[in-house]
Amino acid sequence: MASGWAQDGAVDAQIQDSINDEIARVRRRLAGGVSLEECEECGAVIPLARRKAMPGVRLCVECQQDADKTEQAFSLYNRRFSKSSQLK
């Protein structure tokens, strides 16, 4: 299949890069270590059940939800869709 100026295997390499980027993003978000007893953002007490379920947790549920929304808002582009969707 003709792919313009792309090198052989460029599409596969782009797919693999997308997968590697997502794996790295998930690994960065994994908590580890000792959980905080108070949220580092708002100071609210983090329930024991949350600390046990998520070792290394640093945020209360509300602050974590806000952080997740912020992270989603700063996604620069998505390589999974066509080029035209990236140009909009």
C-alpha atoms as a PDB file:
ATOM      1  CA  MET A   1       0.000   0.000   0.000  1.00  0.00           C
ATOM      2  CA  ALA A   2       1.351   3.432  -0.913  1.00  0.00           C
ATOM      3  CA  SER A   3       1.861   5.726   2.030  1.00  0.00           C
ATOM      4  CA  GLY A   4       3.368   8.839   0.507  1.00  0.00           C
ATOM      5  CA  TRP A   5       6.693   9.849   2.009  1.00  0.00           C
ATOM      6  CA  ALA A   6       6.388   7.589   5.038  1.00  0.00           C
ATOM      7  CA  GLN A   7       9.038   4.963   5.633  1.00  0.00           C
ATOM      8  CA  ASP A   8       8.171   1.294   5.553  1.00  0.00           C
ATOM      9  CA  GLY A   9       6.544   0.363   8.840  1.00  0.00           C
ATOM     10  CA  ALA A  10       5.851   3.995   9.794  1.00  0.00           C
ATOM     11  CA  VAL A  11       2.203   3.299  10.590  1.00  0.00           C
ATOM     12  CA  ASP A  12       3.147   0.371  12.819  1.00  0.00           C
ATOM     13  CA  ALA A  13       5.789   2.510  14.521  1.00  0.00           C
ATOM     14  CA  GLN A  14       3.227   5.255  15.169  1.00  0.00           C
ATOM     15  CA  ILE A  15       0.786   2.752  16.643  1.00  0.00           C
ATOM     16  CA  GLN A  16       3.537   1.317  18.862  1.00  0.00           C
ATOM     17  CA  ASP A  17       4.531   4.835  19.958  1.00  0.00           C
ATOM     18  CA  SER A  18       0.913   5.549  20.913  1.00  0.00           C
ATOM     19  CA  ILE A  19       0.776   2.362  22.963  1.00  0.00           C
ATOM     20  CA  ASN A  20       4.112   3.125  24.656  1.00  0.00           C
ATOM     21  CA  ASP A  21       2.988   6.689  25.461  1.00  0.00           C
ATOM     22  CA  GLU A  22      -0.212   5.436  27.078  1.00  0.00           C
ATOM     23  CA  ILE A  23       1.608   2.772  29.098  1.00  0.00           C
ATOM     24  CA  ALA A  24       4.077   5.401  30.347  1.00  0.00           C
ATOM     25  CA  ARG A  25       1.212   7.750  31.269  1.00  0.00           C
ATOM     26  CA  VAL A  26      -0.550   5.031  33.260  1.00  0.00           C
ATOM     27  CA  ARG A  27       2.669   4.026  35.040  1.00  0.00           C
ATOM     28  CA  ARG A  28       3.300   7.660  36.048  1.00  0.00           C
ATOM     29  CA  ARG A  29      -0.146   7.780  37.617  1.00  0.00           C
ATOM     30  CA  LEU A  30       0.271   4.595  39.646  1.00  0.00           C
ATOM     31  CA  ALA A  31       0.566   5.380  43.291  1.00  0.00           C
ATOM     32  CA  GLY A  32       3.217   3.777  45.415  1.00  0.00           C
ATOM     33  CA  GLY A  33       4.787   4.100  48.805  1.00  0.00           C
ATOM     34  CA  VAL A  34       3.147   5.420  51.927  1.00  0.00           C
ATOM     35  CA  SER A  35      -0.279   7.011  51.644  1.00  0.00           C
ATOM     36  CA  LEU A  36      -0.886  10.439  53.108  1.00  0.00           C
ATOM     37  CA  GLU A  37      -3.480  10.774  55.842  1.00  0.00           C
ATOM     38  CA  GLU A  38      -4.490  14.221  54.592  1.00  0.00           C
ATOM     39  CA  CYS A  39      -4.961  15.397  51.010  1.00  0.00           C
ATOM     40  CA  GLU A  40      -1.958  17.388  49.814  1.00  0.00           C
ATOM     41  CA  GLU A  41      -4.279  19.755  47.891  1.00  0.00           C
ATOM     42  CA  CYS A  42      -7.112  20.592  50.285  1.00  0.00           C
ATOM     43  CA  GLY A  43      -6.040  19.069  53.605  1.00  0.00           C
ATOM     44  CA  ALA A  44      -9.135  16.857  53.944  1.00  0.00           C
ATOM     45  CA  VAL A  45      -8.699  13.550  55.731  1.00  0.00           C
ATOM     46  CA  ILE A  46      -8.203  10.635  53.324  1.00  0.00           C
ATOM     47  CA  PRO A  47     -10.311   7.713  54.573  1.00  0.00           C
ATOM     48  CA  LEU A  48      -8.476   4.582  55.688  1.00  0.00           C
ATOM     49  CA  ALA A  49     -10.365   2.486  53.119  1.00  0.00           C
ATOM     50  CA  ARG A  50      -9.002   4.677  50.291  1.00  0.00           C
ATOM     51  CA  ARG A  51      -5.476   4.527  51.686  1.00  0.00           C
ATOM     52  CA  LYS A  52      -5.663   0.732  51.835  1.00  0.00           C
ATOM     53  CA  ALA A  53      -7.174   0.431  48.354  1.00  0.00           C
ATOM     54  CA  MET A  54      -4.665   2.841  46.765  1.00  0.00           C
ATOM     55  CA  PRO A  55      -1.232   2.537  48.408  1.00  0.00           C
ATOM     56  CA  GLY A  56       0.642   5.812  48.040  1.00  0.00           C
ATOM     57  CA  VAL A  57      -2.496   7.894  47.527  1.00  0.00           C
ATOM     58  CA  ARG A  58      -1.868  11.628  47.983  1.00  0.00           C
ATOM     59  CA  LEU A  59      -5.239  13.177  47.108  1.00  0.00           C
ATOM     60  CA  CYS A  60      -8.786  12.846  48.403  1.00  0.00           C
ATOM     61  CA  VAL A  61     -11.414  11.579  45.955  1.00  0.00           C
ATOM     62  CA  GLU A  62     -12.647  15.068  45.037  1.00  0.00           C
ATOM     63  CA  CYS A  63      -9.158  16.451  44.363  1.00  0.00           C
ATOM     64  CA  GLN A  64      -8.227  13.312  42.408  1.00  0.00           C
ATOM     65  CA  GLN A  65     -11.295  13.759  40.208  1.00  0.00           C
ATOM     66  CA  ASP A  66     -10.303  17.384  39.574  1.00  0.00           C
ATOM     67  CA  ALA A  67      -6.736  16.304  38.751  1.00  0.00           C
ATOM     68  CA  ASP A  68      -8.048  13.666  36.323  1.00  0.00           C
ATOM     69  CA  LYS A  69     -10.229  16.239  34.550  1.00  0.00           C
ATOM     70  CA  THR A  70      -7.295  18.644  34.284  1.00  0.00           C
ATOM     71  CA  GLU A  71      -5.070  15.940  32.824  1.00  0.00           C
ATOM     72  CA  GLN A  72      -7.677  15.046  30.210  1.00  0.00           C
ATOM     73  CA  ALA A  73      -8.073  18.716  29.263  1.00  0.00           C
ATOM     74  CA  PHE A  74      -4.353  19.036  28.451  1.00  0.00           C
ATOM     75  CA  SER A  75      -4.169  16.157  25.990  1.00  0.00           C
ATOM     76  CA  LEU A  76      -2.470  17.766  22.977  1.00  0.00           C
ATOM     77  CA  TYR A  77      -3.669  15.384  20.301  1.00  0.00           C
ATOM     78  CA  ASN A  78      -4.797  11.868  19.752  1.00  0.00           C
ATOM     79  CA  ARG A  79      -2.857   9.762  17.281  1.00  0.00           C
ATOM     80  CA  ARG A  80      -5.651   7.206  17.098  1.00  0.00           C
ATOM     81  CA  PHE A  81      -7.785   9.333  14.759  1.00  0.00           C
ATOM     82  CA  SER A  82      -7.244  10.656  11.288  1.00  0.00           C
ATOM     83  CA  LYS A  83      -5.009  13.603  10.502  1.00  0.00           C
ATOM     84  CA  SER A  84      -8.039  15.728   9.671  1.00  0.00           C
ATOM     85  CA  SER A  85      -9.327  15.338  13.224  1.00  0.00           C
ATOM     86  CA  GLN A  86      -5.981  16.594  14.535  1.00  0.00           C
ATOM     87  CA  LEU A  87      -6.113  19.679  12.345  1.00  0.00           C
ATOM     88  CA  LYS A  88      -9.450  20.913  13.725  1.00  0.00           C
END
